Amino acid sequence: MRRRRRLAGLVLVAALGVAACESQPSSRRIANDIIKTLSDEGPVRECMLDKLDGYTDDDLDEITASASQPGPGTAIDLFEADLASCR
């Protein structure tokens, strides 16, 4: 389960990075699609989507930018932990 969660986080980072570079589709749309793809329908998915709704587009841009920063406690680490708390 932990490996799947980490993989989901890495996919999300990559997707957000691509979205930031190309601007289409939006980071939010990609994150939404990934959550729906990697999570089974039910309360965990709904929790993750609710948490995603709590982030602004600027927040998601900051999360994307932090993906290349070393060390724990970056915005992407906090974002992953926030989504993981739904499990």
PDB file of N, CA and C in Angstrom:
ATOM      1  N   MET A   1       0.832  -1.182   0.000  1.00  0.00           N
ATOM      2  CA  MET A   1       0.000   0.000   0.000  1.00  0.00           C
ATOM      3  C   MET A   1       0.882   1.253   0.000  1.00  0.00           C
ATOM      4  N   ARG A   2       1.948   1.257   0.820  1.00  0.00           N
ATOM      5  CA  ARG A   2       2.826   2.419   0.884  1.00  0.00           C
ATOM      6  C   ARG A   2       3.489   2.671  -0.464  1.00  0.00           C
ATOM      7  N   ARG A   3       3.888   1.587  -1.130  1.00  0.00           N
ATOM      8  CA  ARG A   3       4.520   1.729  -2.436  1.00  0.00           C
ATOM      9  C   ARG A   3       3.547   2.334  -3.444  1.00  0.00           C
ATOM     10  N   ARG A   4       2.294   1.892  -3.396  1.00  0.00           N
ATOM     11  CA  ARG A   4       1.277   2.428  -4.306  1.00  0.00           C
ATOM     12  C   ARG A   4       1.042   3.918  -4.042  1.00  0.00           C
ATOM     13  N   ARG A   5       1.018   4.294  -2.746  1.00  0.00           N
ATOM     14  CA  ARG A   5       0.819   5.701  -2.386  1.00  0.00           C
ATOM     15  C   ARG A   5       1.983   6.549  -2.892  1.00  0.00           C
ATOM     16  N   ARG A   6       3.212   6.031  -2.727  1.00  0.00           N
ATOM     17  CA  ARG A   6       4.390   6.772  -3.185  1.00  0.00           C
ATOM     18  C   ARG A   6       4.373   6.895  -4.695  1.00  0.00           C
ATOM     19  N   LEU A   7       4.001   5.801  -5.387  1.00  0.00           N
ATOM     20  CA  LEU A   7       3.900   5.836  -6.839  1.00  0.00           C
ATOM     21  C   LEU A   7       2.872   6.871  -7.272  1.00  0.00           C
ATOM     22  N   ALA A   8       1.751   6.908  -6.571  1.00  0.00           N
ATOM     23  CA  ALA A   8       0.718   7.894  -6.883  1.00  0.00           C
ATOM     24  C   ALA A   8       1.261   9.306  -6.724  1.00  0.00           C
ATOM     25  N   GLY A   9       2.036   9.519  -5.674  1.00  0.00           N
ATOM     26  CA  GLY A   9       2.638  10.833  -5.457  1.00  0.00           C
ATOM     27  C   GLY A   9       3.605  11.198  -6.559  1.00  0.00           C
ATOM     28  N   LEU A  10       4.424  10.251  -6.986  1.00  0.00           N
ATOM     29  CA  LEU A  10       5.391  10.521  -8.053  1.00  0.00           C
ATOM     30  C   LEU A  10       4.695  10.805  -9.368  1.00  0.00           C
ATOM     31  N   VAL A  11       3.643  10.045  -9.647  1.00  0.00           N
ATOM     32  CA  VAL A  11       2.876  10.293 -10.871  1.00  0.00           C
ATOM     33  C   VAL A  11       2.251  11.680 -10.819  1.00  0.00           C
ATOM     34  N   LEU A  12       1.739  12.028  -9.652  1.00  0.00           N
ATOM     35  CA  LEU A  12       1.121  13.346  -9.495  1.00  0.00           C
ATOM     36  C   LEU A  12       2.140  14.459  -9.695  1.00  0.00           C
ATOM     37  N   VAL A  13       3.331  14.300  -9.132  1.00  0.00           N
ATOM     38  CA  VAL A  13       4.396  15.297  -9.302  1.00  0.00           C
ATOM     39  C   VAL A  13       4.722  15.456 -10.781  1.00  0.00           C
ATOM     40  N   ALA A  14       4.902  14.339 -11.468  1.00  0.00           N
ATOM     41  CA  ALA A  14       5.229  14.399 -12.888  1.00  0.00           C
ATOM     42  C   ALA A  14       4.119  15.064 -13.679  1.00  0.00           C
ATOM     43  N   ALA A  15       2.903  14.697 -13.374  1.00  0.00           N
ATOM     44  CA  ALA A  15       1.766  15.267 -14.095  1.00  0.00           C
ATOM     45  C   ALA A  15       1.623  16.753 -13.835  1.00  0.00           C
ATOM     46  N   LEU A  16       1.802  17.145 -12.582  1.00  0.00           N
ATOM     47  CA  LEU A  16       1.713  18.572 -12.268  1.00  0.00           C
ATOM     48  C   LEU A  16       2.824  19.343 -12.963  1.00  0.00           C
ATOM     49  N   GLY A  17       4.000  18.743 -13.036  1.00  0.00           N
ATOM     50  CA  GLY A  17       5.118  19.391 -13.726  1.00  0.00           C
ATOM     51  C   GLY A  17       4.827  19.585 -15.200  1.00  0.00           C
ATOM     52  N   VAL A  18       4.278  18.569 -15.835  1.00  0.00           N
ATOM     53  CA  VAL A  18       3.920  18.673 -17.253  1.00  0.00           C
ATOM     54  C   VAL A  18       2.853  19.732 -17.438  1.00  0.00           C
ATOM     55  N   ALA A  19       1.867  19.738 -16.568  1.00  0.00           N
ATOM     56  CA  ALA A  19       0.787  20.718 -16.688  1.00  0.00           C
ATOM     57  C   ALA A  19       1.318  22.126 -16.517  1.00  0.00           C
ATOM     58  N   ALA A  20       2.274  22.314 -15.617  1.00  0.00           N
ATOM     59  CA  ALA A  20       2.820  23.647 -15.392  1.00  0.00           C
ATOM     60  C   ALA A  20       3.567  24.136 -16.625  1.00  0.00           C
ATOM     61  N   CYS A  21       4.236  23.229 -17.325  1.00  0.00           N
ATOM     62  CA  CYS A  21       5.002  23.610 -18.507  1.00  0.00           C
ATOM     63  C   CYS A  21       4.100  23.912 -19.701  1.00  0.00           C
ATOM     64  N   GLU A  22       3.060  23.124 -19.870  1.00  0.00           N
ATOM     65  CA  GLU A  22       2.225  23.245 -21.060  1.00  0.00           C
ATOM     66  C   GLU A  22       0.945  24.029 -20.833  1.00  0.00           C
ATOM     67  N   SER A  23       0.546  24.197 -19.606  1.00  0.00           N
ATOM     68  CA  SER A  23      -0.648  24.939 -19.221  1.00  0.00           C
ATOM     69  C   SER A  23      -1.954  24.299 -19.651  1.00  0.00           C
ATOM     70  N   GLN A  24      -1.918  23.198 -20.365  1.00  0.00           N
ATOM     71  CA  GLN A  24      -3.153  22.524 -20.744  1.00  0.00           C
ATOM     72  C   GLN A  24      -2.941  21.043 -20.671  1.00  0.00           C
ATOM     73  N   PRO A  25      -3.739  20.287 -20.056  1.00  0.00           N
ATOM     74  CA  PRO A  25      -4.791  20.696 -19.142  1.00  0.00           C
ATOM     75  C   PRO A  25      -4.221  21.250 -17.842  1.00  0.00           C
ATOM     76  N   SER A  26      -5.057  21.797 -17.019  1.00  0.00           N
ATOM     77  CA  SER A  26      -4.604  22.445 -15.794  1.00  0.00           C
ATOM     78  C   SER A  26      -4.058  21.432 -14.796  1.00  0.00           C
ATOM     79  N   SER A  27      -3.248  21.910 -13.880  1.00  0.00           N
ATOM     80  CA  SER A  27      -2.713  21.061 -12.818  1.00  0.00           C
ATOM     81  C   SER A  27      -3.841  20.433 -12.012  1.00  0.00           C
ATOM     82  N   ARG A  28      -4.862  21.210 -11.774  1.00  0.00           N
ATOM     83  CA  ARG A  28      -6.012  20.717 -11.009  1.00  0.00           C
ATOM     84  C   ARG A  28      -6.698  19.560 -11.745  1.00  0.00           C
ATOM     85  N   ARG A  29      -6.878  19.713 -13.019  1.00  0.00           N
ATOM     86  CA  ARG A  29      -7.543  18.674 -13.827  1.00  0.00           C
ATOM     87  C   ARG A  29      -6.726  17.392 -13.823  1.00  0.00           C
ATOM     88  N   ILE A  30      -5.421  17.526 -13.974  1.00  0.00           N
ATOM     89  CA  ILE A  30      -4.553  16.355 -13.982  1.00  0.00           C
ATOM     90  C   ILE A  30      -4.574  15.670 -12.619  1.00  0.00           C
ATOM     91  N   ALA A  31      -4.461  16.450 -11.554  1.00  0.00           N
ATOM     92  CA  ALA A  31      -4.485  15.877 -10.205  1.00  0.00           C
ATOM     93  C   ALA A  31      -5.816  15.162  -9.967  1.00  0.00           C
ATOM     94  N   ASN A  32      -6.896  15.779 -10.391  1.00  0.00           N
ATOM     95  CA  ASN A  32      -8.222  15.188 -10.253  1.00  0.00           C
ATOM     96  C   ASN A  32      -8.298  13.858 -10.998  1.00  0.00           C
ATOM     97  N   ASP A  33      -7.820  13.834 -12.226  1.00  0.00           N
ATOM     98  CA  ASP A  33      -7.848  12.619 -13.032  1.00  0.00           C
ATOM     99  C   ASP A  33      -6.990  11.516 -12.411  1.00  0.00           C
ATOM    100  N   ILE A  34      -5.829  11.879 -11.881  1.00  0.00           N
ATOM    101  CA  ILE A  34      -4.944  10.882 -11.276  1.00  0.00           C
ATOM    102  C   ILE A  34      -5.589  10.293 -10.027  1.00  0.00           C
ATOM    103  N   ILE A  35      -6.181  11.137  -9.200  1.00  0.00           N
ATOM    104  CA  ILE A  35      -6.854  10.638  -8.000  1.00  0.00           C
ATOM    105  C   ILE A  35      -7.952   9.665  -8.396  1.00  0.00           C
ATOM    106  N   LYS A  36      -8.720  10.013  -9.409  1.00  0.00           N
ATOM    107  CA  LYS A  36      -9.808   9.137  -9.845  1.00  0.00           C
ATOM    108  C   LYS A  36      -9.291   7.842 -10.457  1.00  0.00           C
ATOM    109  N   THR A  37      -8.128   7.893 -11.093  1.00  0.00           N
ATOM    110  CA  THR A  37      -7.552   6.703 -11.706  1.00  0.00           C
ATOM    111  C   THR A  37      -6.933   5.770 -10.672  1.00  0.00           C
ATOM    112  N   LEU A  38      -6.248   6.326  -9.686  1.00  0.00           N
ATOM    113  CA  LEU A  38      -5.496   5.519  -8.733  1.00  0.00           C
ATOM    114  C   LEU A  38      -6.266   5.144  -7.481  1.00  0.00           C
ATOM    115  N   SER A  39      -7.428   5.729  -7.281  1.00  0.00           N
ATOM    116  CA  SER A  39      -8.220   5.428  -6.090  1.00  0.00           C
ATOM    117  C   SER A  39      -9.540   4.786  -6.499  1.00  0.00           C
ATOM    118  N   ASP A  40      -9.926   3.762  -5.756  1.00  0.00           N
ATOM    119  CA  ASP A  40     -11.228   3.144  -5.982  1.00  0.00           C
ATOM    120  C   ASP A  40     -12.314   4.107  -5.542  1.00  0.00           C
ATOM    121  N   GLU A  41     -13.486   3.988  -6.148  1.00  0.00           N
ATOM    122  CA  GLU A  41     -14.607   4.818  -5.726  1.00  0.00           C
ATOM    123  C   GLU A  41     -14.903   4.554  -4.257  1.00  0.00           C
ATOM    124  N   GLY A  42     -15.270   5.595  -3.561  1.00  0.00           N
ATOM    125  CA  GLY A  42     -15.606   5.437  -2.156  1.00  0.00           C
ATOM    126  C   GLY A  42     -15.100   6.601  -1.334  1.00  0.00           C
ATOM    127  N   PRO A  43     -15.116   6.437  -0.024  1.00  0.00           N
ATOM    128  CA  PRO A  43     -14.788   7.544   0.866  1.00  0.00           C
ATOM    129  C   PRO A  43     -13.349   8.048   0.752  1.00  0.00           C
ATOM    130  N   VAL A  44     -12.401   7.163   0.436  1.00  0.00           N
ATOM    131  CA  VAL A  44     -11.009   7.610   0.303  1.00  0.00           C
ATOM    132  C   VAL A  44     -10.876   8.548  -0.894  1.00  0.00           C
ATOM    133  N   ARG A  45     -11.443   8.148  -2.016  1.00  0.00           N
ATOM    134  CA  ARG A  45     -11.387   8.992  -3.213  1.00  0.00           C
ATOM    135  C   ARG A  45     -12.075  10.334  -2.950  1.00  0.00           C
ATOM    136  N   GLU A  46     -13.244  10.283  -2.352  1.00  0.00           N
ATOM    137  CA  GLU A  46     -13.981  11.521  -2.077  1.00  0.00           C
ATOM    138  C   GLU A  46     -13.195  12.432  -1.140  1.00  0.00           C
ATOM    139  N   CYS A  47     -12.549  11.854  -0.153  1.00  0.00           N
ATOM    140  CA  CYS A  47     -11.723  12.633   0.764  1.00  0.00           C
ATOM    141  C   CYS A  47     -10.589  13.326   0.014  1.00  0.00           C
ATOM    142  N   MET A  48      -9.904  12.572  -0.855  1.00  0.00           N
ATOM    143  CA  MET A  48      -8.800  13.156  -1.629  1.00  0.00           C
ATOM    144  C   MET A  48      -9.285  14.282  -2.534  1.00  0.00           C
ATOM    145  N   LEU A  49     -10.412  14.060  -3.186  1.00  0.00           N
ATOM    146  CA  LEU A  49     -10.954  15.095  -4.066  1.00  0.00           C
ATOM    147  C   LEU A  49     -11.379  16.325  -3.266  1.00  0.00           C
ATOM    148  N   ASP A  50     -11.931  16.111  -2.080  1.00  0.00           N
ATOM    149  CA  ASP A  50     -12.299  17.239  -1.219  1.00  0.00           C
ATOM    150  C   ASP A  50     -11.053  18.024  -0.804  1.00  0.00           C
ATOM    151  N   LYS A  51      -9.988  17.293  -0.469  1.00  0.00           N
ATOM    152  CA  LYS A  51      -8.743  17.968  -0.086  1.00  0.00           C
ATOM    153  C   LYS A  51      -8.174  18.747  -1.269  1.00  0.00           C
ATOM    154  N   LEU A  52      -8.222  18.156  -2.458  1.00  0.00           N
ATOM    155  CA  LEU A  52      -7.742  18.842  -3.655  1.00  0.00           C
ATOM    156  C   LEU A  52      -8.509  20.137  -3.871  1.00  0.00           C
ATOM    157  N   ASP A  53      -9.817  20.108  -3.634  1.00  0.00           N
ATOM    158  CA  ASP A  53     -10.639  21.311  -3.784  1.00  0.00           C
ATOM    159  C   ASP A  53     -10.215  22.425  -2.830  1.00  0.00           C
ATOM    160  N   GLY A  54      -9.559  22.059  -1.744  1.00  0.00           N
ATOM    161  CA  GLY A  54      -9.104  23.044  -0.773  1.00  0.00           C
ATOM    162  C   GLY A  54      -7.845  23.791  -1.200  1.00  0.00           C
ATOM    163  N   TYR A  55      -7.203  23.345  -2.280  1.00  0.00           N
ATOM    164  CA  TYR A  55      -5.993  23.998  -2.782  1.00  0.00           C
ATOM    165  C   TYR A  55      -6.349  24.972  -3.897  1.00  0.00           C
ATOM    166  N   THR A  56      -5.715  26.116  -3.884  1.00  0.00           N
ATOM    167  CA  THR A  56      -5.890  27.073  -4.971  1.00  0.00           C
ATOM    168  C   THR A  56      -4.974  26.681  -6.128  1.00  0.00           C
ATOM    169  N   ASP A  57      -5.190  27.290  -7.272  1.00  0.00           N
ATOM    170  CA  ASP A  57      -4.299  27.043  -8.409  1.00  0.00           C
ATOM    171  C   ASP A  57      -2.882  27.492  -8.081  1.00  0.00           C
ATOM    172  N   ASP A  58      -2.751  28.580  -7.332  1.00  0.00           N
ATOM    173  CA  ASP A  58      -1.418  29.039  -6.910  1.00  0.00           C
ATOM    174  C   ASP A  58      -0.762  28.013  -5.994  1.00  0.00           C
ATOM    175  N   ASP A  59      -1.547  27.403  -5.103  1.00  0.00           N
ATOM    176  CA  ASP A  59      -1.024  26.343  -4.237  1.00  0.00           C
ATOM    177  C   ASP A  59      -0.472  25.197  -5.079  1.00  0.00           C
ATOM    178  N   LEU A  60      -1.225  24.791  -6.082  1.00  0.00           N
ATOM    179  CA  LEU A  60      -0.801  23.686  -6.930  1.00  0.00           C
ATOM    180  C   LEU A  60       0.451  24.039  -7.719  1.00  0.00           C
ATOM    181  N   ASP A  61       0.585  25.295  -8.126  1.00  0.00           N
ATOM    182  CA  ASP A  61       1.811  25.734  -8.798  1.00  0.00           C
ATOM    183  C   ASP A  61       3.006  25.655  -7.844  1.00  0.00           C
ATOM    184  N   GLU A  62       2.796  26.034  -6.604  1.00  0.00           N
ATOM    185  CA  GLU A  62       3.865  25.949  -5.599  1.00  0.00           C
ATOM    186  C   GLU A  62       4.240  24.489  -5.343  1.00  0.00           C
ATOM    187  N   ILE A  63       3.253  23.640  -5.283  1.00  0.00           N
ATOM    188  CA  ILE A  63       3.503  22.209  -5.087  1.00  0.00           C
ATOM    189  C   ILE A  63       4.326  21.671  -6.251  1.00  0.00           C
ATOM    190  N   THR A  64       3.969  22.033  -7.460  1.00  0.00           N
ATOM    191  CA  THR A  64       4.708  21.602  -8.640  1.00  0.00           C
ATOM    192  C   THR A  64       6.153  22.074  -8.578  1.00  0.00           C
ATOM    193  N   ALA A  65       6.348  23.330  -8.225  1.00  0.00           N
ATOM    194  CA  ALA A  65       7.698  23.886  -8.156  1.00  0.00           C
ATOM    195  C   ALA A  65       8.534  23.194  -7.091  1.00  0.00           C
ATOM    196  N   SER A  66       7.910  22.758  -6.012  1.00  0.00           N
ATOM    197  CA  SER A  66       8.668  22.141  -4.923  1.00  0.00           C
ATOM    198  C   SER A  66       9.129  20.729  -5.255  1.00  0.00           C
ATOM    199  N   ALA A  67       8.603  20.154  -6.330  1.00  0.00           N
ATOM    200  CA  ALA A  67       8.966  18.781  -6.680  1.00  0.00           C
ATOM    201  C   ALA A  67      10.456  18.639  -6.957  1.00  0.00           C
ATOM    202  N   SER A  68      11.105  19.703  -7.373  1.00  0.00           N
ATOM    203  CA  SER A  68      12.535  19.639  -7.665  1.00  0.00           C
ATOM    204  C   SER A  68      13.402  20.060  -6.475  1.00  0.00           C
ATOM    205  N   GLN A  69      12.780  20.429  -5.375  1.00  0.00           N
ATOM    206  CA  GLN A  69      13.523  20.850  -4.189  1.00  0.00           C
ATOM    207  C   GLN A  69      13.893  19.634  -3.342  1.00  0.00           C
ATOM    208  N   PRO A  70      15.120  19.602  -2.845  1.00  0.00           N
ATOM    209  CA  PRO A  70      15.529  18.478  -2.006  1.00  0.00           C
ATOM    210  C   PRO A  70      14.985  18.606  -0.586  1.00  0.00           C
ATOM    211  N   GLY A  71      14.925  17.486   0.073  1.00  0.00           N
ATOM    212  CA  GLY A  71      14.613  17.494   1.492  1.00  0.00           C
ATOM    213  C   GLY A  71      13.164  17.295   1.831  1.00  0.00           C
ATOM    214  N   PRO A  72      12.941  16.874   3.056  1.00  0.00           N
ATOM    215  CA  PRO A  72      11.566  16.697   3.536  1.00  0.00           C
ATOM    216  C   PRO A  72      10.923  18.040   3.864  1.00  0.00           C
ATOM    217  N   GLY A  73       9.617  18.036   3.942  1.00  0.00           N
ATOM    218  CA  GLY A  73       8.894  19.248   4.323  1.00  0.00           C
ATOM    219  C   GLY A  73       8.608  20.194   3.182  1.00  0.00           C
ATOM    220  N   THR A  74       8.872  19.760   1.951  1.00  0.00           N
ATOM    221  CA  THR A  74       8.554  20.608   0.805  1.00  0.00           C
ATOM    222  C   THR A  74       7.044  20.592   0.587  1.00  0.00           C
ATOM    223  N   ALA A  75       6.576  21.478  -0.229  1.00  0.00           N
ATOM    224  CA  ALA A  75       5.133  21.562  -0.489  1.00  0.00           C
ATOM    225  C   ALA A  75       4.592  20.251  -1.050  1.00  0.00           C
ATOM    226  N   ILE A  76       5.378  19.572  -1.898  1.00  0.00           N
ATOM    227  CA  ILE A  76       4.901  18.299  -2.458  1.00  0.00           C
ATOM    228  C   ILE A  76       4.819  17.244  -1.367  1.00  0.00           C
ATOM    229  N   ASP A  77       5.762  17.234  -0.436  1.00  0.00           N
ATOM    230  CA  ASP A  77       5.702  16.276   0.676  1.00  0.00           C
ATOM    231  C   ASP A  77       4.457  16.516   1.524  1.00  0.00           C
ATOM    232  N   LEU A  78       4.171  17.763   1.799  1.00  0.00           N
ATOM    233  CA  LEU A  78       2.994  18.097   2.605  1.00  0.00           C
ATOM    234  C   LEU A  78       1.704  17.755   1.866  1.00  0.00           C
ATOM    235  N   PHE A  79       1.695  17.972   0.567  1.00  0.00           N
ATOM    236  CA  PHE A  79       0.537  17.646  -0.262  1.00  0.00           C
ATOM    237  C   PHE A  79       0.295  16.139  -0.256  1.00  0.00           C
ATOM    238  N   GLU A  80       1.358  15.355  -0.459  1.00  0.00           N
ATOM    239  CA  GLU A  80       1.234  13.907  -0.425  1.00  0.00           C
ATOM    240  C   GLU A  80       0.717  13.430   0.924  1.00  0.00           C
ATOM    241  N   ALA A  81       1.250  13.999   1.996  1.00  0.00           N
ATOM    242  CA  ALA A  81       0.809  13.613   3.346  1.00  0.00           C
ATOM    243  C   ALA A  81      -0.658  13.971   3.557  1.00  0.00           C
ATOM    244  N   ASP A  82      -1.060  15.115   3.033  1.00  0.00           N
ATOM    245  CA  ASP A  82      -2.447  15.538   3.169  1.00  0.00           C
ATOM    246  C   ASP A  82      -3.378  14.536   2.472  1.00  0.00           C
ATOM    247  N   LEU A  83      -3.029  14.143   1.251  1.00  0.00           N
ATOM    248  CA  LEU A  83      -3.854  13.168   0.535  1.00  0.00           C
ATOM    249  C   LEU A  83      -3.788  11.801   1.198  1.00  0.00           C
ATOM    250  N   ALA A  84      -2.616  11.426   1.684  1.00  0.00           N
ATOM    251  CA  ALA A  84      -2.454  10.116   2.330  1.00  0.00           C
ATOM    252  C   ALA A  84      -3.263  10.005   3.621  1.00  0.00           C
ATOM    253  N   SER A  85      -3.557  11.129   4.248  1.00  0.00           N
ATOM    254  CA  SER A  85      -4.332  11.100   5.481  1.00  0.00           C
ATOM    255  C   SER A  85      -5.768  10.606   5.248  1.00  0.00           C
ATOM    256  N   CYS A  86      -6.168  10.530   4.006  1.00  0.00           N
ATOM    257  CA  CYS A  86      -7.507  10.036   3.674  1.00  0.00           C
ATOM    258  C   CYS A  86      -7.603   8.522   3.795  1.00  0.00           C
ATOM    259  N   ARG A  87      -6.499   7.845   3.851  1.00  0.00           N
ATOM    260  CA  ARG A  87      -6.512   6.368   3.922  1.00  0.00           C
ATOM    261  C   ARG A  87      -6.681   5.885   5.321  1.00  0.00           C
TER     262      ARG A  87
END
